[in-house]
């Protein structure tokens, strides 16, 4: 865990959970597994504060606990899981793209709360969707339930581990910490719930003051005291499944750039057919026959079986090995290579210009080259090539390998070959990306802090306008309230909004690069 990762984890925890949770999380990241007593002593916080902070972190899967042989419980921070907070907007947007607004809100609620029961998610999402609808329209619980079932069927949400039901003996004391288990067959099984009802709108203050409404509310509270039918069955977002979707999208995009749109659609079909049956860490998808692929192609692609076989042969013969052939039955068995291990060369080295990128791509292709060979192949003057190679060497993008002709290592009788250590370069770039995201977050916090007074004033004015519009105020009254913010202040707010939007977009773009680099590093580690 590098200092850049620790700093980014600290900023993410502080932004989403506050100072106390950030202090506990950062302490566990720096010190490793610790018992409760040590956390309280070293952080200087109250025992109750530490317990509540640990509950929050465990609820969001950011901290795990383990019962030691001596009988005490140790807590450990999950650094990689904390860094995934940065990717939450991308998860939510993907759910919106695949399952519309209902899927978006389901994933958003699960990410905000960590773990929830299906009935609670359905009611909350239905209420939120009803708030956005026109008067008189409501969202039915059944529609939200159907979307939740689809998310579970495609493994985007999964069950949380449960405490096993063990008959308690009166003599044996309860364990210091429960052991959670989950059967893999039950991870995506949705309980049968008969949720009948519609989303409810928030009531106004006048209705809250009504005694009749209070009586109804008390009655509803009394009815809701019964546990829901799925009590104890909690659900969470399956982050690995989202990463699998991002990876599949990247493979399809790479095939489209390498070949054409039809080839990418064939690969997309193969990935869609095996998205549930293939594990996130598998190097290849499940073998699919040519006949199965032909039957599963989208209706818009009216290509004959012979043309499909030609495309599959072309993909299998490509040097990048996106598709591999694993047999001849069923017209030919084909798989998609998930961990191809090819890092996109344009990612290197951006800060040094296009000519350095040309040299870098050349070294990637040729593996080892002398300086004179680099000059000739890249068609760059000797002086410029020398400067660029030394600049990249100083930044550790390229490395120098000495091959002596004689045992004395005399410079005149030694070959000096430039090469690229791709895994090392990828790790260095990943470290820089973490630093970039941390800097962007600090800049956004600074911009917000500098304009805090103006933002609070803007929020007060918007709240007043909303309440006056609800009571049917005249246009002249609304205009007077709007004029409370002067023209220079309005311009300053627009500038702040534009800057924050740019910073948010930059964070998302850097996170996409982080995902590519992390996937590449994991693929090189998993390779035998």
Protein backbone atom coordinates (compact mmCIF):
# COMPACT_ATOMS: atom_id res chain seq x y z
CA UNK A 1 0.00 0.00 0.00
CA UNK A 2 1.69 3.19 -1.24
CA UNK A 3 1.36 6.63 0.35
CA UNK A 4 -0.73 7.81 -2.63
CA UNK A 5 -3.24 4.99 -2.07
CA UNK A 6 -3.41 5.68 1.68
CA UNK A 7 -4.02 9.39 1.04
CA UNK A 8 -6.74 8.64 -1.52
CA UNK A 9 -8.45 6.17 0.84
CA UNK A 10 -8.38 8.78 3.59
CA UNK A 11 -9.95 11.43 1.35
CA UNK A 12 -12.67 9.04 0.16
CA UNK A 13 -13.57 8.00 3.71
CA UNK A 14 -13.67 11.60 4.92
CA UNK A 15 -15.83 12.75 2.00
CA UNK A 16 -18.40 9.95 2.32
CA UNK A 17 -18.44 9.08 6.05
CA UNK A 18 -16.93 11.97 8.04
CA UNK A 19 -13.87 12.58 10.17
CA UNK A 20 -14.34 9.86 12.83
CA UNK A 21 -14.80 7.03 10.33
CA UNK A 22 -11.90 8.42 8.28
CA UNK A 23 -9.64 8.41 11.34
CA UNK A 24 -10.47 4.78 12.18
CA UNK A 25 -10.16 3.64 8.57
CA UNK A 26 -6.83 5.38 7.97
CA UNK A 27 -5.47 3.95 11.23
CA UNK A 28 -6.38 0.40 10.19
CA UNK A 29 -4.89 0.93 6.72
CA UNK A 30 -1.57 2.08 8.20
CA UNK A 31 -1.30 -0.46 11.02
CA UNK A 32 -2.99 -3.55 9.61
CA UNK A 33 -5.22 -5.84 11.69
CA UNK A 34 -5.92 -4.49 15.18
CA UNK A 35 -8.22 -5.43 18.09
CA UNK A 36 -10.79 -3.00 19.45
CA UNK A 37 -8.72 -2.12 22.52
CA UNK A 38 -5.73 -1.00 20.45
CA UNK A 39 -7.91 1.05 18.10
CA UNK A 40 -9.42 2.94 21.06
CA UNK A 41 -6.03 3.55 22.70
CA UNK A 42 -4.16 4.67 19.58
CA UNK A 43 -6.85 6.88 18.03
CA UNK A 44 -7.84 8.60 21.27
CA UNK A 45 -11.55 8.31 20.45
CA UNK A 46 -14.32 7.18 22.79
CA UNK A 47 -15.21 3.50 22.82
CA UNK A 48 -18.75 4.22 21.65
CA UNK A 49 -17.46 6.30 18.72
CA UNK A 50 -15.05 3.55 17.66
CA UNK A 51 -17.78 0.90 17.81
CA UNK A 52 -20.17 2.98 15.70
CA UNK A 53 -17.45 3.79 13.16
CA UNK A 54 -16.53 0.10 12.85
CA UNK A 55 -20.21 -0.76 12.38
CA UNK A 56 -20.43 1.72 9.51
CA UNK A 57 -17.27 0.37 7.87
CA UNK A 58 -18.41 -3.26 8.25
CA UNK A 59 -21.87 -2.38 6.91
CA UNK A 60 -20.24 -1.06 3.72
CA UNK A 61 -17.76 -3.99 3.44
CA UNK A 62 -14.82 -1.63 3.98
CA UNK A 63 -13.60 -3.49 7.10
CA UNK A 64 -13.65 -7.21 7.89
CA UNK A 65 -13.30 -8.91 11.26
CA UNK A 66 -11.80 -12.22 12.27
CA UNK A 67 -11.99 -14.19 15.50
CA UNK A 68 -8.53 -15.12 16.77
CA UNK A 69 -7.63 -18.31 18.63
CA UNK A 70 -7.16 -16.40 21.87
CA UNK A 71 -10.80 -15.32 21.77
CA UNK A 72 -10.52 -11.64 20.75
CA UNK A 73 -11.66 -10.08 17.48
CA UNK A 74 -9.32 -8.26 15.09
CA UNK A 75 -10.42 -5.76 12.44
CA UNK A 76 -8.77 -5.24 9.05
CA UNK A 77 -9.38 -2.47 6.48
CA UNK A 78 -10.05 -3.50 2.87
CA UNK A 79 -8.03 -0.90 0.96
CA UNK A 80 -9.00 -2.07 -2.52
CA UNK A 81 -12.66 -1.98 -1.53
CA UNK A 82 -12.30 1.57 -0.20
CA UNK A 83 -10.79 2.68 -3.52
CA UNK A 84 -13.87 1.27 -5.28
CA UNK A 85 -15.88 4.16 -3.79
CA UNK A 86 -14.33 6.26 -6.53
CA UNK A 87 -16.14 4.08 -9.10
CA UNK A 88 -19.63 4.36 -7.55
CA UNK A 89 -20.90 6.88 -10.16
CA UNK A 90 -19.85 4.51 -12.93
CA UNK A 91 -21.70 1.58 -11.34
CA UNK A 92 -24.85 3.68 -11.02
CA UNK A 93 -24.63 4.96 -14.60
CA UNK A 94 -24.14 1.41 -15.91
CA UNK A 95 -27.24 0.23 -14.04
CA UNK A 96 -29.19 3.15 -15.55
CA UNK A 97 -27.97 2.23 -19.04
CA UNK A 98 -28.94 -1.44 -18.66
CA UNK A 99 -32.07 -1.23 -16.47
CA UNK A 100 -33.34 2.34 -16.78
CA UNK A 101 -34.09 4.62 -13.80
CA UNK A 102 -35.39 1.80 -11.60
CA UNK A 103 -32.14 -0.17 -11.86
CA UNK A 104 -30.16 3.02 -11.26
CA UNK A 105 -31.96 3.77 -8.00
CA UNK A 106 -31.74 0.15 -6.78
CA UNK A 107 -27.96 0.13 -7.22
CA UNK A 108 -27.67 3.64 -5.75
CA UNK A 109 -29.63 2.66 -2.61
CA UNK A 110 -27.53 -0.47 -2.10
CA UNK A 111 -24.30 1.51 -2.50
CA UNK A 112 -25.47 4.25 -0.13
CA UNK A 113 -26.61 1.81 2.57
CA UNK A 114 -24.11 -1.01 2.07
CA UNK A 115 -26.61 -3.82 2.71
CA UNK A 116 -30.41 -3.82 2.53
CA UNK A 117 -33.27 -6.29 2.34
CA UNK A 118 -35.11 -6.58 -0.96
CA UNK A 119 -38.41 -5.35 0.53
CA UNK A 120 -36.74 -2.21 1.94
CA UNK A 121 -35.04 -1.46 -1.38
CA UNK A 122 -38.27 -1.91 -3.34
CA UNK A 123 -40.25 0.41 -1.06
CA UNK A 124 -37.53 3.10 -1.00
CA UNK A 125 -37.05 3.05 -4.78
CA UNK A 126 -40.80 3.09 -5.45
CA UNK A 127 -41.19 6.11 -3.16
CA UNK A 128 -38.33 7.95 -4.86
CA UNK A 129 -39.69 7.25 -8.34
CA UNK A 130 -43.19 8.34 -7.28
CA UNK A 131 -41.74 11.68 -6.09
CA UNK A 132 -40.46 12.39 -9.61
CA UNK A 133 -43.73 11.47 -11.37
CA UNK A 134 -46.61 13.75 -12.21
CA UNK A 135 -49.44 14.20 -9.73
CA UNK A 136 -51.76 11.22 -9.72
CA UNK A 137 -49.14 8.74 -10.98
CA UNK A 138 -47.34 6.24 -8.75
CA UNK A 139 -44.75 3.48 -9.14
CA UNK A 140 -45.97 -0.04 -8.42
CA UNK A 141 -43.89 -2.25 -6.11
CA UNK A 142 -44.20 -5.12 -8.61
CA UNK A 143 -42.35 -3.16 -11.33
CA UNK A 144 -39.45 -2.40 -8.98
CA UNK A 145 -39.39 -6.05 -7.83
CA UNK A 146 -39.14 -7.25 -11.42
CA UNK A 147 -36.12 -5.01 -12.05
CA UNK A 148 -34.52 -6.25 -8.82
CA UNK A 149 -35.03 -9.87 -9.99
CA UNK A 150 -33.39 -9.05 -13.33
CA UNK A 151 -30.40 -7.52 -11.55
CA UNK A 152 -30.07 -10.66 -9.43
CA UNK A 153 -30.45 -12.98 -12.46
CA UNK A 154 -27.57 -11.18 -14.19
CA UNK A 155 -25.56 -11.24 -10.93
CA UNK A 156 -25.28 -7.45 -10.54
CA UNK A 157 -26.64 -7.80 -6.99
CA UNK A 158 -26.01 -10.71 -4.65
CA UNK A 159 -26.94 -11.96 -1.21
CA UNK A 160 -24.79 -11.16 1.79
CA UNK A 161 -23.38 -13.96 3.98
CA UNK A 162 -25.63 -14.95 6.89
CA UNK A 163 -25.16 -16.29 10.39
CA UNK A 164 -25.87 -20.06 10.19
CA UNK A 165 -28.76 -21.36 12.24
CA UNK A 166 -27.17 -23.46 14.98
CA UNK A 167 -29.20 -24.70 17.94
CA UNK A 168 -28.03 -22.78 20.99
CA UNK A 169 -27.14 -24.74 24.10
CA UNK A 170 -27.98 -23.02 27.40
CA UNK A 171 -24.56 -23.82 28.92
CA UNK A 172 -22.31 -22.65 26.03
CA UNK A 173 -21.61 -18.88 25.94
CA UNK A 174 -22.23 -17.05 22.63
CA UNK A 175 -19.14 -16.52 20.43
CA UNK A 176 -17.44 -13.08 20.55
CA UNK A 177 -18.18 -12.60 16.84
CA UNK A 178 -20.53 -14.45 14.47
CA UNK A 179 -19.18 -16.49 11.56
CA UNK A 180 -20.93 -15.56 8.31
CA UNK A 181 -21.42 -18.17 5.59
CA UNK A 182 -23.16 -18.23 2.21
CA UNK A 183 -23.97 -21.07 -0.14
CA UNK A 184 -22.88 -20.19 -3.68
CA UNK A 185 -26.08 -21.71 -5.06
CA UNK A 186 -28.17 -19.28 -3.00
CA UNK A 187 -26.17 -16.11 -3.77
CA UNK A 188 -28.55 -15.01 -6.54
CA UNK A 189 -31.79 -16.67 -5.44
CA UNK A 190 -34.46 -14.03 -4.91
CA UNK A 191 -36.96 -14.76 -2.12
CA UNK A 192 -40.58 -15.00 -3.18
CA UNK A 193 -42.21 -11.85 -1.90
CA UNK A 194 -45.75 -10.73 -2.51
CA UNK A 195 -45.10 -7.00 -2.30
CA UNK A 196 -48.38 -5.25 -3.03
CA UNK A 197 -48.57 -1.48 -3.01
CA UNK A 198 -47.44 1.71 -4.67
CA UNK A 199 -44.86 4.37 -3.95
CA UNK A 200 -45.84 7.17 -1.56
CA UNK A 201 -45.13 10.87 -1.81
CA UNK A 202 -43.77 12.95 1.04
CA UNK A 203 -46.52 14.73 2.89
CA UNK A 204 -46.53 18.48 3.41
CA UNK A 205 -46.29 20.16 6.80
CA UNK A 206 -50.02 20.91 6.86
CA UNK A 207 -50.83 17.22 6.56
CA UNK A 208 -48.35 16.38 9.29
CA UNK A 209 -50.21 18.71 11.67
CA UNK A 210 -53.51 17.07 10.95
CA UNK A 211 -54.69 14.88 13.84
CA UNK A 212 -56.39 12.43 11.51
CA UNK A 213 -53.15 11.92 9.66
CA UNK A 214 -51.34 11.32 12.94
CA UNK A 215 -53.82 8.59 13.83
CA UNK A 216 -53.28 6.96 10.45
CA UNK A 217 -49.54 7.23 10.88
CA UNK A 218 -49.69 5.54 14.28
CA UNK A 219 -51.81 2.77 12.81
CA UNK A 220 -49.31 2.27 9.99
CA UNK A 221 -46.44 2.20 12.47
CA UNK A 222 -48.26 -0.46 14.46
CA UNK A 223 -48.80 -2.55 11.35
CA UNK A 224 -45.19 -2.20 10.24
CA UNK A 225 -43.88 -3.51 13.55
CA UNK A 226 -44.16 -7.03 12.13
CA UNK A 227 -40.92 -8.23 10.49
CA UNK A 228 -40.97 -8.35 6.67
CA UNK A 229 -41.09 -11.77 4.98
CA UNK A 230 -37.45 -11.48 3.86
CA UNK A 231 -36.15 -10.37 7.24
CA UNK A 232 -32.49 -11.34 7.62
CA UNK A 233 -31.84 -11.79 3.86
CA UNK A 234 -29.65 -8.83 2.92
CA UNK A 235 -28.39 -7.86 -0.52
CA UNK A 236 -25.34 -5.96 -1.74
CA UNK A 237 -23.90 -4.79 -5.07
CA UNK A 238 -21.67 -7.34 -6.81
CA UNK A 239 -18.75 -5.10 -7.74
CA UNK A 240 -16.86 -7.89 -9.52
CA UNK A 241 -19.79 -8.33 -11.90
CA UNK A 242 -19.72 -4.64 -12.80
CA UNK A 243 -15.97 -4.91 -13.41
CA UNK A 244 -16.63 -7.89 -15.66
CA UNK A 245 -19.09 -5.75 -17.63
CA UNK A 246 -16.55 -2.90 -17.95
CA UNK A 247 -13.91 -5.40 -19.11
CA UNK A 248 -16.28 -6.89 -21.68
CA UNK A 249 -17.07 -3.40 -23.00
CA UNK A 250 -13.35 -2.71 -23.33
CA UNK A 251 -12.78 -5.96 -25.26
CA UNK A 252 -15.67 -5.16 -27.63
CA UNK A 253 -14.31 -1.64 -28.20
CA UNK A 254 -10.81 -3.01 -28.89
CA UNK A 255 -12.17 -5.52 -31.42
CA UNK A 256 -14.16 -2.75 -33.13
CA UNK A 257 -11.01 -0.61 -33.45
CA UNK A 258 -8.95 -3.57 -34.64
CA UNK A 259 -11.46 -5.15 -37.04
CA UNK A 260 -14.92 -3.72 -37.75
CA UNK A 261 -18.35 -3.32 -36.19
CA UNK A 262 -19.57 -6.78 -37.21
CA UNK A 263 -16.60 -8.47 -35.53
CA UNK A 264 -17.22 -6.52 -32.33
CA UNK A 265 -20.90 -7.52 -32.37
CA UNK A 266 -19.93 -11.20 -32.69
CA UNK A 267 -17.58 -10.88 -29.70
CA UNK A 268 -20.26 -8.96 -27.76
CA UNK A 269 -22.70 -11.82 -28.41
CA UNK A 270 -20.17 -14.39 -27.18
CA UNK A 271 -19.51 -12.39 -24.02
CA UNK A 272 -23.22 -11.90 -23.36
CA UNK A 273 -23.86 -15.65 -23.73
CA UNK A 274 -21.23 -16.51 -21.13
CA UNK A 275 -21.43 -13.49 -18.80
CA UNK A 276 -23.15 -15.42 -16.00
CA UNK A 277 -21.38 -18.77 -16.45
CA UNK A 278 -17.84 -17.31 -16.58
CA UNK A 279 -16.19 -16.29 -13.30
CA UNK A 280 -14.57 -12.87 -13.01
CA UNK A 281 -11.05 -14.35 -12.71
CA UNK A 282 -11.28 -16.89 -15.56
CA UNK A 283 -8.77 -16.38 -18.42
CA UNK A 284 -11.28 -17.53 -21.06
CA UNK A 285 -15.04 -17.63 -21.45
CA UNK A 286 -16.93 -20.92 -21.66
CA UNK A 287 -16.54 -22.61 -25.10
CA UNK A 288 -19.38 -21.75 -27.48
CA UNK A 289 -20.18 -23.50 -30.73
CA UNK A 290 -20.52 -21.62 -33.99
CA UNK A 291 -24.15 -22.76 -34.26
CA UNK A 292 -24.97 -21.34 -30.79
CA UNK A 293 -23.33 -18.01 -31.66
CA UNK A 294 -25.26 -17.84 -34.94
CA UNK A 295 -28.61 -18.41 -33.18
CA UNK A 296 -27.82 -15.76 -30.54
CA UNK A 297 -26.79 -12.93 -32.89
CA UNK A 298 -29.02 -9.81 -32.73
CA UNK A 299 -31.88 -9.68 -35.18
CA UNK A 300 -30.42 -6.66 -36.95
CA UNK A 301 -27.33 -8.55 -38.15
CA UNK A 302 -28.55 -10.52 -41.15
CA UNK A 303 -25.35 -12.43 -41.90
CA UNK A 304 -25.33 -16.02 -43.14
CA UNK A 305 -23.65 -18.87 -41.30
CA UNK A 306 -20.77 -19.03 -43.77
CA UNK A 307 -19.90 -15.35 -43.24
CA UNK A 308 -20.01 -15.86 -39.45
CA UNK A 309 -17.54 -18.77 -39.73
CA UNK A 310 -15.22 -16.57 -41.80
CA UNK A 311 -15.35 -13.82 -39.15
CA UNK A 312 -14.66 -16.32 -36.35
CA UNK A 313 -11.69 -17.76 -38.27
CA UNK A 314 -10.36 -14.23 -38.87
CA UNK A 315 -10.68 -13.38 -35.16
CA UNK A 316 -9.00 -16.64 -34.11
CA UNK A 317 -6.06 -16.05 -36.51
CA UNK A 318 -5.46 -12.45 -35.34
CA UNK A 319 -2.12 -11.97 -33.50
CA UNK A 320 -3.85 -10.24 -30.56
CA UNK A 321 -5.79 -13.49 -29.87
CA UNK A 322 -9.10 -11.94 -28.87
CA UNK A 323 -10.85 -15.18 -29.85
CA UNK A 324 -9.44 -18.70 -29.56
CA UNK A 325 -10.59 -21.97 -31.12
CA UNK A 326 -10.93 -24.86 -28.66
CA UNK A 327 -12.56 -27.60 -30.76
CA UNK A 328 -14.35 -28.54 -33.97
CA UNK A 329 -17.69 -29.84 -32.69
CA UNK A 330 -20.88 -27.90 -33.46
CA UNK A 331 -19.26 -26.08 -36.38
CA UNK A 332 -16.27 -25.12 -34.21
CA UNK A 333 -15.91 -24.24 -30.50
CA UNK A 334 -14.70 -20.72 -29.73
CA UNK A 335 -13.74 -18.80 -26.59
CA UNK A 336 -12.99 -15.15 -25.88
CA UNK A 337 -9.61 -14.48 -24.29
CA UNK A 338 -10.31 -12.24 -21.31
CA UNK A 339 -6.79 -11.82 -19.91
CA UNK A 340 -5.00 -11.13 -23.17
CA UNK A 341 -2.29 -9.16 -21.37
CA UNK A 342 -2.00 -6.47 -24.04
CA UNK A 343 -1.60 -3.01 -22.58
CA UNK A 344 -2.75 -0.19 -24.85
CA UNK A 345 0.40 1.65 -25.94
CA UNK A 346 -1.31 5.09 -26.19
CA UNK A 347 -1.43 5.05 -22.37
CA UNK A 348 2.36 5.58 -22.47
CA UNK A 349 3.87 8.10 -22.12
CA UNK A 350 1.45 10.99 -22.40
CA UNK A 351 3.50 13.82 -20.83
CA UNK A 352 6.41 13.46 -23.29
CA UNK A 353 4.64 13.97 -26.62
CA UNK A 354 3.87 11.91 -29.71
CA UNK A 355 7.50 11.20 -30.63
CA UNK A 356 8.21 9.61 -27.26
CA UNK A 357 5.04 7.57 -27.68
CA UNK A 358 6.35 6.42 -31.07
CA UNK A 359 9.64 5.30 -29.48
CA UNK A 360 7.75 3.58 -26.68
CA UNK A 361 5.52 1.65 -29.11
CA UNK A 362 8.61 0.69 -31.09
CA UNK A 363 10.31 -0.73 -27.98
CA UNK A 364 7.14 -2.60 -27.07
CA UNK A 365 7.11 -4.24 -30.49
CA UNK A 366 10.84 -4.92 -30.92
CA UNK A 367 11.55 -5.72 -27.22
CA UNK A 368 15.28 -4.70 -27.24
CA UNK A 369 16.94 -2.01 -29.36
CA UNK A 370 20.18 -0.03 -29.35
CA UNK A 371 20.07 3.74 -29.53
CA UNK A 372 21.13 3.75 -33.21
CA UNK A 373 18.39 1.26 -34.05
CA UNK A 374 15.82 3.41 -32.27
CA UNK A 375 16.89 6.42 -34.33
CA UNK A 376 16.62 4.47 -37.60
CA UNK A 377 13.34 2.67 -36.94
CA UNK A 378 11.57 5.68 -35.42
CA UNK A 379 13.01 8.06 -38.07
CA UNK A 380 13.97 10.65 -35.44
CA UNK A 381 17.25 12.66 -35.48
CA UNK A 382 20.00 11.27 -33.26
CA UNK A 383 20.09 14.19 -30.83
CA UNK A 384 16.30 14.24 -30.29
CA UNK A 385 16.13 10.44 -29.93
CA UNK A 386 18.93 10.52 -27.36
CA UNK A 387 17.19 13.25 -25.31
CA UNK A 388 13.84 11.43 -25.42
CA UNK A 389 15.34 8.08 -24.41
CA UNK A 390 17.19 9.63 -21.47
CA UNK A 391 14.08 11.53 -20.38
CA UNK A 392 11.99 8.33 -20.39
CA UNK A 393 14.84 6.47 -18.70
CA UNK A 394 14.94 9.04 -15.89
CA UNK A 395 11.16 8.63 -15.40
CA UNK A 396 11.49 4.79 -15.40
CA UNK A 397 9.33 4.35 -18.51
CA UNK A 398 12.20 2.48 -20.22
CA UNK A 399 15.15 0.58 -18.79
CA UNK A 400 18.71 -0.02 -20.00
CA UNK A 401 20.18 -3.50 -20.24
CA UNK A 402 23.93 -4.10 -20.56
CA UNK A 403 25.20 -7.09 -22.55
CA UNK A 404 29.03 -7.26 -22.31
CA UNK A 405 31.14 -9.00 -24.95
CA UNK A 406 33.98 -9.53 -22.49
CA UNK A 407 34.09 -10.22 -18.71
CA UNK A 408 35.64 -6.82 -17.94
CA UNK A 409 32.43 -4.95 -18.93
CA UNK A 410 34.39 -2.39 -20.93
CA UNK A 411 32.00 0.23 -22.40
CA UNK A 412 33.55 -0.09 -25.86
CA UNK A 413 32.85 -3.82 -25.85
CA UNK A 414 29.32 -3.70 -24.36
CA UNK A 415 25.89 -3.57 -26.01
CA UNK A 416 23.47 -1.10 -24.39
CA UNK A 417 19.90 -2.13 -25.19
CA UNK A 418 16.77 -0.14 -24.35
CA UNK A 419 13.71 -2.12 -23.31
CA UNK A 420 10.35 -1.66 -21.57
CA UNK A 421 9.43 -3.39 -18.34
CA UNK A 422 5.68 -3.22 -18.95
CA UNK A 423 4.40 -4.43 -15.53
CA UNK A 424 6.71 -2.01 -13.73
CA UNK A 425 5.63 0.88 -15.97
CA UNK A 426 1.98 0.00 -15.43
CA UNK A 427 2.43 0.06 -11.64
CA UNK A 428 4.19 3.40 -11.83
CA UNK A 429 1.40 4.87 -13.96
CA UNK A 430 -1.19 3.46 -11.55
CA UNK A 431 0.62 5.20 -8.67
CA UNK A 432 0.52 8.49 -10.61
CA UNK A 433 -3.20 8.04 -11.28
CA UNK A 434 -3.89 7.62 -7.56
CA UNK A 435 -1.95 10.83 -6.88
CA UNK A 436 -3.89 12.63 -9.63
CA UNK A 437 -7.28 11.63 -8.20
CA UNK A 438 -6.22 12.70 -4.69
CA UNK A 439 -5.10 16.09 -6.05
CA UNK A 440 -8.41 16.51 -7.90
CA UNK A 441 -10.40 15.73 -4.75
CA UNK A 442 -8.36 18.20 -2.71
CA UNK A 443 -8.87 20.86 -5.38
CA UNK A 444 -12.64 20.30 -5.35
CA UNK A 445 -12.71 20.57 -1.56
CA UNK A 446 -10.70 23.80 -1.76
CA UNK A 447 -13.05 25.32 -4.36
CA UNK A 448 -16.09 24.40 -2.27
CA UNK A 449 -14.54 25.72 0.95
CA UNK A 450 -13.57 29.05 -0.63
CA UNK A 451 -17.15 29.62 -1.82
CA UNK A 452 -18.90 28.12 1.21
CA UNK A 453 -20.73 31.33 2.18
CA UNK A 454 -22.03 31.86 -1.35
CA UNK A 455 -23.17 28.25 -1.65
CA UNK A 456 -25.08 28.43 1.62
CA UNK A 457 -26.77 31.65 0.49
CA UNK A 458 -27.74 30.04 -2.82
CA UNK A 459 -29.23 27.03 -1.02
CA UNK A 460 -31.27 29.28 1.30
CA UNK A 461 -32.64 31.24 -1.67
CA UNK A 462 -33.55 28.04 -3.52
CA UNK A 463 -35.33 26.70 -0.42
CA UNK A 464 -37.33 29.92 -0.05
CA UNK A 465 -38.27 29.85 -3.75
CA UNK A 466 -39.39 26.23 -3.54
CA UNK A 467 -41.60 26.90 -0.49
CA UNK A 468 -43.13 30.03 -2.08
CA UNK A 469 -43.86 28.20 -5.34
CA UNK A 470 -45.57 25.44 -3.35
CA UNK A 471 -47.82 28.02 -1.68
CA UNK A 472 -48.66 29.69 -5.03
CA UNK A 473 -46.71 32.95 -4.73
CA UNK A 474 -46.88 35.59 -7.45
CA UNK A 475 -44.16 36.06 -10.06
CA UNK A 476 -43.15 39.47 -8.69
CA UNK A 477 -42.53 37.95 -5.24
CA UNK A 478 -40.45 35.16 -6.75
CA UNK A 479 -38.44 37.68 -8.75
CA UNK A 480 -37.66 39.68 -5.62
CA UNK A 481 -36.33 36.56 -3.92
CA UNK A 482 -34.19 35.68 -6.96
CA UNK A 483 -32.67 39.18 -6.90
CA UNK A 484 -31.23 38.45 -3.45
CA UNK A 485 -28.30 36.89 -5.37
CA UNK A 486 -26.53 39.67 -7.29
CA UNK A 487 -25.21 39.32 -10.84
CA UNK A 488 -21.53 39.00 -9.78
CA UNK A 489 -22.49 36.34 -7.25
CA UNK A 490 -24.48 34.47 -9.89
CA UNK A 491 -21.50 34.59 -12.23
CA UNK A 492 -19.25 33.32 -9.45
CA UNK A 493 -21.66 30.42 -8.83
CA UNK A 494 -21.63 29.52 -12.52
CA UNK A 495 -17.83 29.51 -12.55
CA UNK A 496 -17.73 27.32 -9.45
CA UNK A 497 -20.26 24.89 -10.93
CA UNK A 498 -18.28 24.68 -14.18
CA UNK A 499 -15.00 24.05 -12.34
CA UNK A 500 -16.51 21.36 -10.09
CA UNK A 501 -18.08 19.62 -13.09
CA UNK A 502 -14.70 19.59 -14.84
CA UNK A 503 -13.03 18.13 -11.76
CA UNK A 504 -15.73 15.42 -11.47
CA UNK A 505 -15.34 14.53 -15.14
CA UNK A 506 -11.56 14.38 -14.71
CA UNK A 507 -11.94 12.02 -11.74
CA UNK A 508 -14.09 9.67 -13.82
CA UNK A 509 -11.63 9.73 -16.72
CA UNK A 510 -8.67 8.97 -14.45
CA UNK A 511 -10.68 6.16 -12.84
CA UNK A 512 -11.22 4.59 -16.28
CA UNK A 513 -7.43 4.59 -16.75
CA UNK A 514 -7.02 3.10 -13.25
CA UNK A 515 -9.41 0.28 -14.18
CA UNK A 516 -7.46 -0.52 -17.37
CA UNK A 517 -4.13 -0.53 -15.51
CA UNK A 518 -5.47 -2.62 -12.61
CA UNK A 519 -6.98 -5.15 -15.03
CA UNK A 520 -3.69 -5.41 -16.92
CA UNK A 521 -1.63 -5.87 -13.73
CA UNK A 522 -4.04 -8.53 -12.44
CA UNK A 523 -3.88 -10.36 -15.77
CA UNK A 524 -0.08 -10.46 -15.69
CA UNK A 525 -0.10 -11.73 -12.09
CA UNK A 526 -2.67 -14.46 -12.83
CA UNK A 527 -0.77 -15.73 -15.86
CA UNK A 528 1.10 -19.00 -15.18
